[in-house]
C-alpha atoms as a PDB file:
ATOM      1  CA  UNK A   1      -0.561 108.636  95.447  1.00  0.00           C
ATOM      2  CA  UNK A   2       1.693 105.849  94.222  1.00  0.00           C
ATOM      3  CA  UNK A   3       0.471 103.338  91.680  1.00  0.00           C
ATOM      4  CA  UNK A   4       0.807  99.640  92.394  1.00  0.00           C
ATOM      5  CA  UNK A   5       3.740  99.122  90.045  1.00  0.00           C
ATOM      6  CA  UNK A   6       5.535 102.206  91.428  1.00  0.00           C
ATOM      7  CA  UNK A   7       5.162 100.844  94.958  1.00  0.00           C
ATOM      8  CA  UNK A   8       6.589  97.499  93.885  1.00  0.00           C
ATOM      9  CA  UNK A   9       9.542  99.189  92.236  1.00  0.00           C
ATOM     10  CA  UNK A  10      10.195 101.267  95.354  1.00  0.00           C
ATOM     11  CA  UNK A  11      10.200  98.166  97.563  1.00  0.00           C
ATOM     12  CA  UNK A  12      12.412  96.270  95.151  1.00  0.00           C
ATOM     13  CA  UNK A  13      14.919  99.098  94.980  1.00  0.00           C
ATOM     14  CA  UNK A  14      15.055  99.467  98.752  1.00  0.00           C
ATOM     15  CA  UNK A  15      15.746  95.777  99.228  1.00  0.00           C
ATOM     16  CA  UNK A  16      18.133  95.305  96.329  1.00  0.00           C
ATOM     17  CA  UNK A  17      20.231  98.439  96.690  1.00  0.00           C
ATOM     18  CA  UNK A  18      21.578  99.213 100.138  1.00  0.00           C
ATOM     19  CA  UNK A  19      24.835 101.175 100.228  1.00  0.00           C
ATOM     20  CA  UNK A  20      28.184 101.572  98.505  1.00  0.00           C
ATOM     21  CA  UNK A  21      26.929  99.726  95.443  1.00  0.00           C
ATOM     22  CA  UNK A  22      26.373  96.317  97.057  1.00  0.00           C
ATOM     23  CA  UNK A  23      23.212  94.234  96.991  1.00  0.00           C
ATOM     24  CA  UNK A  24      21.653  91.872  99.475  1.00  0.00           C
ATOM     25  CA  UNK A  25      19.605  89.739  97.103  1.00  0.00           C
ATOM     26  CA  UNK A  26      20.218  85.987  97.595  1.00  0.00           C
ATOM     27  CA  UNK A  27      20.619  83.758  94.555  1.00  0.00           C
ATOM     28  CA  UNK A  28      19.054  80.672  96.070  1.00  0.00           C
ATOM     29  CA  UNK A  29      15.561  81.923  96.990  1.00  0.00           C
ATOM     30  CA  UNK A  30      14.968  85.294  95.351  1.00  0.00           C
ATOM     31  CA  UNK A  31      11.718  87.098  96.140  1.00  0.00           C
ATOM     32  CA  UNK A  32       9.638  88.063  93.121  1.00  0.00           C
ATOM     33  CA  UNK A  33       8.741  91.669  93.945  1.00  0.00           C
ATOM     34  CA  UNK A  34       6.940  91.885  90.608  1.00  0.00           C
ATOM     35  CA  UNK A  35       4.457  89.086  91.270  1.00  0.00           C
ATOM     36  CA  UNK A  36       1.385  91.240  91.877  1.00  0.00           C
ATOM     37  CA  UNK A  37       1.764  93.364  88.741  1.00  0.00           C
ATOM     38  CA  UNK A  38       2.662  90.369  86.558  1.00  0.00           C
ATOM     39  CA  UNK A  39      -0.903  89.084  86.900  1.00  0.00           C
ATOM     40  CA  UNK A  40      -2.346  91.996  84.933  1.00  0.00           C
ATOM     41  CA  UNK A  41       0.791  92.912  82.965  1.00  0.00           C
ATOM     42  CA  UNK A  42       1.011  96.341  84.611  1.00  0.00           C
ATOM     43  CA  UNK A  43       4.689  96.279  85.644  1.00  0.00           C
ATOM     44  CA  UNK A  44       6.758  99.292  84.581  1.00  0.00           C
ATOM     45  CA  UNK A  45      10.142 100.742  85.470  1.00  0.00           C
ATOM     46  CA  UNK A  46      11.318 104.338  85.547  1.00  0.00           C
ATOM     47  CA  UNK A  47      14.111 105.298  83.156  1.00  0.00           C
ATOM     48  CA  UNK A  48      16.365 108.290  82.682  1.00  0.00           C
ATOM     49  CA  UNK A  49      16.208 108.613  78.891  1.00  0.00           C
ATOM     50  CA  UNK A  50      15.898 106.489  75.750  1.00  0.00           C
ATOM     51  CA  UNK A  51      19.448 105.575  74.819  1.00  0.00           C
ATOM     52  CA  UNK A  52      20.813 105.127  71.313  1.00  0.00           C
ATOM     53  CA  UNK A  53      24.226 104.630  69.736  1.00  0.00           C
ATOM     54  CA  UNK A  54      24.791 108.369  69.544  1.00  0.00           C
ATOM     55  CA  UNK A  55      23.905 109.248  73.139  1.00  0.00           C
ATOM     56  CA  UNK A  56      25.306 106.069  74.699  1.00  0.00           C
ATOM     57  CA  UNK A  57      27.654 104.188  72.344  1.00  0.00           C
ATOM     58  CA  UNK A  58      28.023 100.468  73.001  1.00  0.00           C
ATOM     59  CA  UNK A  59      31.016  99.739  75.217  1.00  0.00           C
ATOM     60  CA  UNK A  60      33.180  96.625  75.492  1.00  0.00           C
ATOM     61  CA  UNK A  61      35.057  96.673  78.814  1.00  0.00           C
ATOM     62  CA  UNK A  62      34.566 100.418  78.923  1.00  0.00           C
ATOM     63  CA  UNK A  63      35.808 101.155  75.391  1.00  0.00           C
ATOM     64  CA  UNK A  64      33.573 102.302  72.521  1.00  0.00           C
ATOM     65  CA  UNK A  65      33.091  99.590  69.898  1.00  0.00           C
ATOM     66  CA  UNK A  66      33.743 101.398  66.614  1.00  0.00           C
ATOM     67  CA  UNK A  67      35.500 100.516  63.359  1.00  0.00           C
ATOM     68  CA  UNK A  68      38.880 100.736  65.088  1.00  0.00           C
ATOM     69  CA  UNK A  69      37.902  98.428  67.938  1.00  0.00           C
ATOM     70  CA  UNK A  70      39.067  94.771  67.737  1.00  0.00           C
ATOM     71  CA  UNK A  71      35.481  93.604  68.479  1.00  0.00           C
ATOM     72  CA  UNK A  72      33.943  95.638  65.640  1.00  0.00           C
ATOM     73  CA  UNK A  73      33.504  92.647  63.307  1.00  0.00           C
ATOM     74  CA  UNK A  74      31.666  90.726  65.999  1.00  0.00           C
ATOM     75  CA  UNK A  75      29.205  93.506  66.817  1.00  0.00           C
ATOM     76  CA  UNK A  76      28.801  95.651  63.699  1.00  0.00           C
ATOM     77  CA  UNK A  77      25.716  93.875  62.343  1.00  0.00           C
ATOM     78  CA  UNK A  78      23.889  93.704  65.657  1.00  0.00           C
ATOM     79  CA  UNK A  79      24.682  97.371  66.333  1.00  0.00           C
ATOM     80  CA  UNK A  80      22.992  98.258  63.056  1.00  0.00           C
ATOM     81  CA  UNK A  81      20.056  95.990  63.870  1.00  0.00           C
ATOM     82  CA  UNK A  82      19.556  97.490  67.346  1.00  0.00           C
ATOM     83  CA  UNK A  83      20.705 101.121  67.092  1.00  0.00           C
ATOM     84  CA  UNK A  84      18.621 102.236  70.086  1.00  0.00           C
ATOM     85  CA  UNK A  85      16.782 100.808  73.064  1.00  0.00           C
ATOM     86  CA  UNK A  86      13.375 101.064  71.406  1.00  0.00           C
ATOM     87  CA  UNK A  87      14.477  98.693  68.624  1.00  0.00           C
ATOM     88  CA  UNK A  88      15.134  96.046  71.299  1.00  0.00           C
ATOM     89  CA  UNK A  89      11.554  96.024  72.587  1.00  0.00           C
ATOM     90  CA  UNK A  90       8.515  94.031  71.548  1.00  0.00           C
ATOM     91  CA  UNK A  91       6.668  95.471  68.583  1.00  0.00           C
ATOM     92  CA  UNK A  92       3.782  96.882  70.630  1.00  0.00           C
ATOM     93  CA  UNK A  93       6.199  99.184  72.528  1.00  0.00           C
ATOM     94  CA  UNK A  94       8.275 100.514  69.632  1.00  0.00           C
ATOM     95  CA  UNK A  95       5.882 103.288  68.560  1.00  0.00           C
ATOM     96  CA  UNK A  96       5.039 104.526  72.037  1.00  0.00           C
ATOM     97  CA  UNK A  97       6.215 107.904  73.271  1.00  0.00           C
ATOM     98  CA  UNK A  98       7.026 106.344  76.656  1.00  0.00           C
ATOM     99  CA  UNK A  99       7.791 102.671  75.974  1.00  0.00           C
ATOM    100  CA  UNK A 100       8.022 100.094  78.739  1.00  0.00           C
ATOM    101  CA  UNK A 101      11.683  99.051  78.985  1.00  0.00           C
ATOM    102  CA  UNK A 102      10.717  95.847  80.767  1.00  0.00           C
ATOM    103  CA  UNK A 103       9.328  94.586  77.457  1.00  0.00           C
ATOM    104  CA  UNK A 104      12.546  93.304  75.897  1.00  0.00           C
ATOM    105  CA  UNK A 105      11.932  91.139  72.819  1.00  0.00           C
ATOM    106  CA  UNK A 106      13.984  88.101  73.877  1.00  0.00           C
ATOM    107  CA  UNK A 107      12.584  85.970  71.048  1.00  0.00           C
ATOM    108  CA  UNK A 108      13.957  88.391  68.472  1.00  0.00           C
ATOM    109  CA  UNK A 109      17.247  89.516  70.022  1.00  0.00           C
ATOM    110  CA  UNK A 110      18.275  86.062  71.231  1.00  0.00           C
ATOM    111  CA  UNK A 111      20.743  85.366  74.032  1.00  0.00           C
ATOM    112  CA  UNK A 112      24.054  86.142  72.313  1.00  0.00           C
ATOM    113  CA  UNK A 113      25.433  89.409  70.948  1.00  0.00           C
ATOM    114  CA  UNK A 114      21.896  90.760  70.476  1.00  0.00           C
ATOM    115  CA  UNK A 115      21.251  90.383  74.196  1.00  0.00           C
ATOM    116  CA  UNK A 116      24.598  91.998  75.022  1.00  0.00           C
ATOM    117  CA  UNK A 117      23.808  95.076  72.950  1.00  0.00           C
ATOM    118  CA  UNK A 118      20.171  95.351  74.001  1.00  0.00           C
ATOM    119  CA  UNK A 119      20.750  94.841  77.719  1.00  0.00           C
ATOM    120  CA  UNK A 120      23.444  97.510  77.426  1.00  0.00           C
ATOM    121  CA  UNK A 121      20.899  99.807  75.723  1.00  0.00           C
ATOM    122  CA  UNK A 122      18.400  99.183  78.530  1.00  0.00           C
ATOM    123  CA  UNK A 123      20.964  99.738  81.299  1.00  0.00           C
ATOM    124  CA  UNK A 124      22.119 102.951  79.619  1.00  0.00           C
ATOM    125  CA  UNK A 125      18.523 104.151  79.451  1.00  0.00           C
ATOM    126  CA  UNK A 126      17.794 103.288  83.074  1.00  0.00           C
ATOM    127  CA  UNK A 127      20.812 105.375  84.008  1.00  0.00           C
ATOM    128  CA  UNK A 128      21.846 103.650  87.224  1.00  0.00           C
ATOM    129  CA  UNK A 129      22.982 100.312  88.583  1.00  0.00           C
ATOM    130  CA  UNK A 130      20.135 100.045  91.081  1.00  0.00           C
ATOM    131  CA  UNK A 131      17.460 100.329  88.375  1.00  0.00           C
ATOM    132  CA  UNK A 132      19.374  97.864  86.225  1.00  0.00           C
ATOM    133  CA  UNK A 133      19.455  95.292  89.028  1.00  0.00           C
ATOM    134  CA  UNK A 134      15.725  95.784  89.526  1.00  0.00           C
ATOM    135  CA  UNK A 135      15.204  95.262  85.780  1.00  0.00           C
ATOM    136  CA  UNK A 136      17.163  91.992  86.064  1.00  0.00           C
ATOM    137  CA  UNK A 137      14.884  90.955  88.905  1.00  0.00           C
ATOM    138  CA  UNK A 138      11.833  91.461  86.725  1.00  0.00           C
ATOM    139  CA  UNK A 139      13.356  89.106  84.161  1.00  0.00           C
ATOM    140  CA  UNK A 140      13.919  86.549  86.931  1.00  0.00           C
ATOM    141  CA  UNK A 141      17.702  86.620  86.895  1.00  0.00           C
ATOM    142  CA  UNK A 142      19.505  85.536  90.065  1.00  0.00           C
ATOM    143  CA  UNK A 143      22.515  87.439  91.291  1.00  0.00           C
ATOM    144  CA  UNK A 144      24.417  87.642  94.563  1.00  0.00           C
ATOM    145  CA  UNK A 145      25.470  91.275  94.401  1.00  0.00           C
ATOM    146  CA  UNK A 146      27.357  94.049  92.727  1.00  0.00           C
ATOM    147  CA  UNK A 147      31.044  93.326  93.336  1.00  0.00           C
ATOM    148  CA  UNK A 148      33.982  95.675  93.131  1.00  0.00           C
ATOM    149  CA  UNK A 149      36.572  94.443  90.631  1.00  0.00           C
ATOM    150  CA  UNK A 150      39.381  96.519  92.110  1.00  0.00           C
ATOM    151  CA  UNK A 151      40.484  97.689  95.548  1.00  0.00           C
ATOM    152  CA  UNK A 152      39.093 100.885  97.073  1.00  0.00           C
ATOM    153  CA  UNK A 153      42.374 102.642  96.330  1.00  0.00           C
ATOM    154  CA  UNK A 154      42.355 101.798  92.612  1.00  0.00           C
ATOM    155  CA  UNK A 155      42.292 104.830  90.340  1.00  0.00           C
ATOM    156  CA  UNK A 156      40.560 104.254  86.970  1.00  0.00           C
ATOM    157  CA  UNK A 157      42.751 104.924  83.944  1.00  0.00           C
ATOM    158  CA  UNK A 158      39.752 106.286  82.022  1.00  0.00           C
ATOM    159  CA  UNK A 159      36.295 107.468  83.031  1.00  0.00           C
ATOM    160  CA  UNK A 160      34.327 104.454  81.757  1.00  0.00           C
ATOM    161  CA  UNK A 161      36.694 101.751  82.996  1.00  0.00           C
ATOM    162  CA  UNK A 162      34.756  98.906  84.639  1.00  0.00           C
ATOM    163  CA  UNK A 163      34.977  99.050  88.431  1.00  0.00           C
ATOM    164  CA  UNK A 164      31.958  97.024  89.526  1.00  0.00           C
ATOM    165  CA  UNK A 165      30.459  93.815  88.167  1.00  0.00           C
ATOM    166  CA  UNK A 166      27.367  91.694  88.632  1.00  0.00           C
ATOM    167  CA  UNK A 167      26.844  88.183  87.289  1.00  0.00           C
ATOM    168  CA  UNK A 168      23.150  87.485  86.637  1.00  0.00           C
ATOM    169  CA  UNK A 169      22.047  83.914  86.029  1.00  0.00           C
ATOM    170  CA  UNK A 170      19.190  82.005  84.477  1.00  0.00           C
ATOM    171  CA  UNK A 171      18.785  78.297  85.140  1.00  0.00           C
ATOM    172  CA  UNK A 172      18.982  75.998  82.139  1.00  0.00           C
ATOM    173  CA  UNK A 173      15.185  75.676  82.268  1.00  0.00           C
ATOM    174  CA  UNK A 174      14.770  79.453  82.046  1.00  0.00           C
ATOM    175  CA  UNK A 175      17.330  79.641  79.255  1.00  0.00           C
ATOM    176  CA  UNK A 176      15.565  76.972  77.204  1.00  0.00           C
ATOM    177  CA  UNK A 177      12.317  78.938  77.365  1.00  0.00           C
ATOM    178  CA  UNK A 178      14.045  81.602  75.265  1.00  0.00           C
ATOM    179  CA  UNK A 179      16.528  79.415  73.393  1.00  0.00           C
ATOM    180  CA  UNK A 180      15.097  75.894  72.959  1.00  0.00           C
ATOM    181  CA  UNK A 181      17.236  72.995  71.745  1.00  0.00           C
ATOM    182  CA  UNK A 182      15.749  70.119  69.783  1.00  0.00           C
ATOM    183  CA  UNK A 183      18.804  68.012  70.612  1.00  0.00           C
ATOM    184  CA  UNK A 184      18.467  68.357  74.375  1.00  0.00           C
ATOM    185  CA  UNK A 185      14.705  67.818  74.105  1.00  0.00           C
ATOM    186  CA  UNK A 186      15.251  64.683  72.050  1.00  0.00           C
ATOM    187  CA  UNK A 187      18.063  63.147  74.099  1.00  0.00           C
ATOM    188  CA  UNK A 188      17.264  64.535  77.537  1.00  0.00           C
ATOM    189  CA  UNK A 189      20.941  65.469  77.908  1.00  0.00           C
ATOM    190  CA  UNK A 190      21.924  69.059  78.566  1.00  0.00           C
ATOM    191  CA  UNK A 191      25.475  70.215  77.953  1.00  0.00           C
ATOM    192  CA  UNK A 192      24.922  73.736  79.298  1.00  0.00           C
ATOM    193  CA  UNK A 193      24.879  74.554  83.014  1.00  0.00           C
ATOM    194  CA  UNK A 194      23.156  77.937  82.913  1.00  0.00           C
ATOM    195  CA  UNK A 195      22.924  81.269  81.121  1.00  0.00           C
ATOM    196  CA  UNK A 196      24.905  84.238  82.398  1.00  0.00           C
ATOM    197  CA  UNK A 197      24.806  87.958  81.823  1.00  0.00           C
ATOM    198  CA  UNK A 198      27.864  89.765  83.162  1.00  0.00           C
ATOM    199  CA  UNK A 199      27.299  93.494  83.533  1.00  0.00           C
ATOM    200  CA  UNK A 200      30.112  95.927  84.256  1.00  0.00           C
ATOM    201  CA  UNK A 201      29.681  99.406  85.749  1.00  0.00           C
ATOM    202  CA  UNK A 202      32.100 102.308  85.965  1.00  0.00           C
ATOM    203  CA  UNK A 203      33.033 104.399  88.990  1.00  0.00           C
ATOM    204  CA  UNK A 204      29.779 106.360  88.615  1.00  0.00           C
ATOM    205  CA  UNK A 205      27.691 103.139  88.501  1.00  0.00           C
ATOM    206  CA  UNK A 206      26.921 103.593  84.813  1.00  0.00           C
ATOM    207  CA  UNK A 207      26.965 100.521  82.599  1.00  0.00           C
ATOM    208  CA  UNK A 208      30.328 100.030  80.862  1.00  0.00           C
ATOM    209  CA  UNK A 209      29.844  96.646  79.230  1.00  0.00           C
ATOM    210  CA  UNK A 210      27.620  93.564  78.992  1.00  0.00           C
ATOM    211  CA  UNK A 211      28.689  90.020  78.186  1.00  0.00           C
ATOM    212  CA  UNK A 212      26.611  86.867  77.736  1.00  0.00           C
ATOM    213  CA  UNK A 213      27.711  83.265  78.098  1.00  0.00           C
ATOM    214  CA  UNK A 214      26.642  79.659  78.600  1.00  0.00           C
ATOM    215  CA  UNK A 215      29.232  77.671  80.593  1.00  0.00           C
ATOM    216  CA  UNK A 216      29.171  73.994  79.679  1.00  0.00           C
ATOM    217  CA  UNK A 217      29.993  70.737  81.406  1.00  0.00           C
ATOM    218  CA  UNK A 218      33.089  70.511  79.216  1.00  0.00           C
ATOM    219  CA  UNK A 219      34.673  73.587  80.821  1.00  0.00           C
END
């Protein structure tokens, strides 16, 4: 017999993930499949394993970020701070044998490089693009679909090269819940349009990179 949260996950997966790696979720009026389990905080998501830097090293555009990588200086501190997926979760989940990967500690990791590393850790742990998109749904991101970056005939030059991409968005109101600004609160003027997470997946639909950004009205 399925539990309530398992049923919700099954419905969400069936509606989000259809075929050939493309989604049918609309950005404008997304349905919150998690609404019923949010009320009693019982939402969970199935994962493949608990990823860490050894099992699933952090990738930037499909390449391992190590001391020889040009992005090493940018990420080295946050990689030490969040060496595994468990370190990215709220404190109450970190000691559990089977932690809830929905419980990302946004207040601690922030929305910059910490979010990039930790969302990568979560996606690696979930083990598939469909679960990752469902995880994004739980966190109320909007996205139009998983898009192929290259033609069907393109042959990847290496196994983890990004082939698919999804751009997940928070409104400025959602973003400010996690990253408040005293200046925008004081003046009522907001320079930022939205918050974006761009997730890349390889030919096997495994995560191969995560980027975060806040496009502004100056762009």
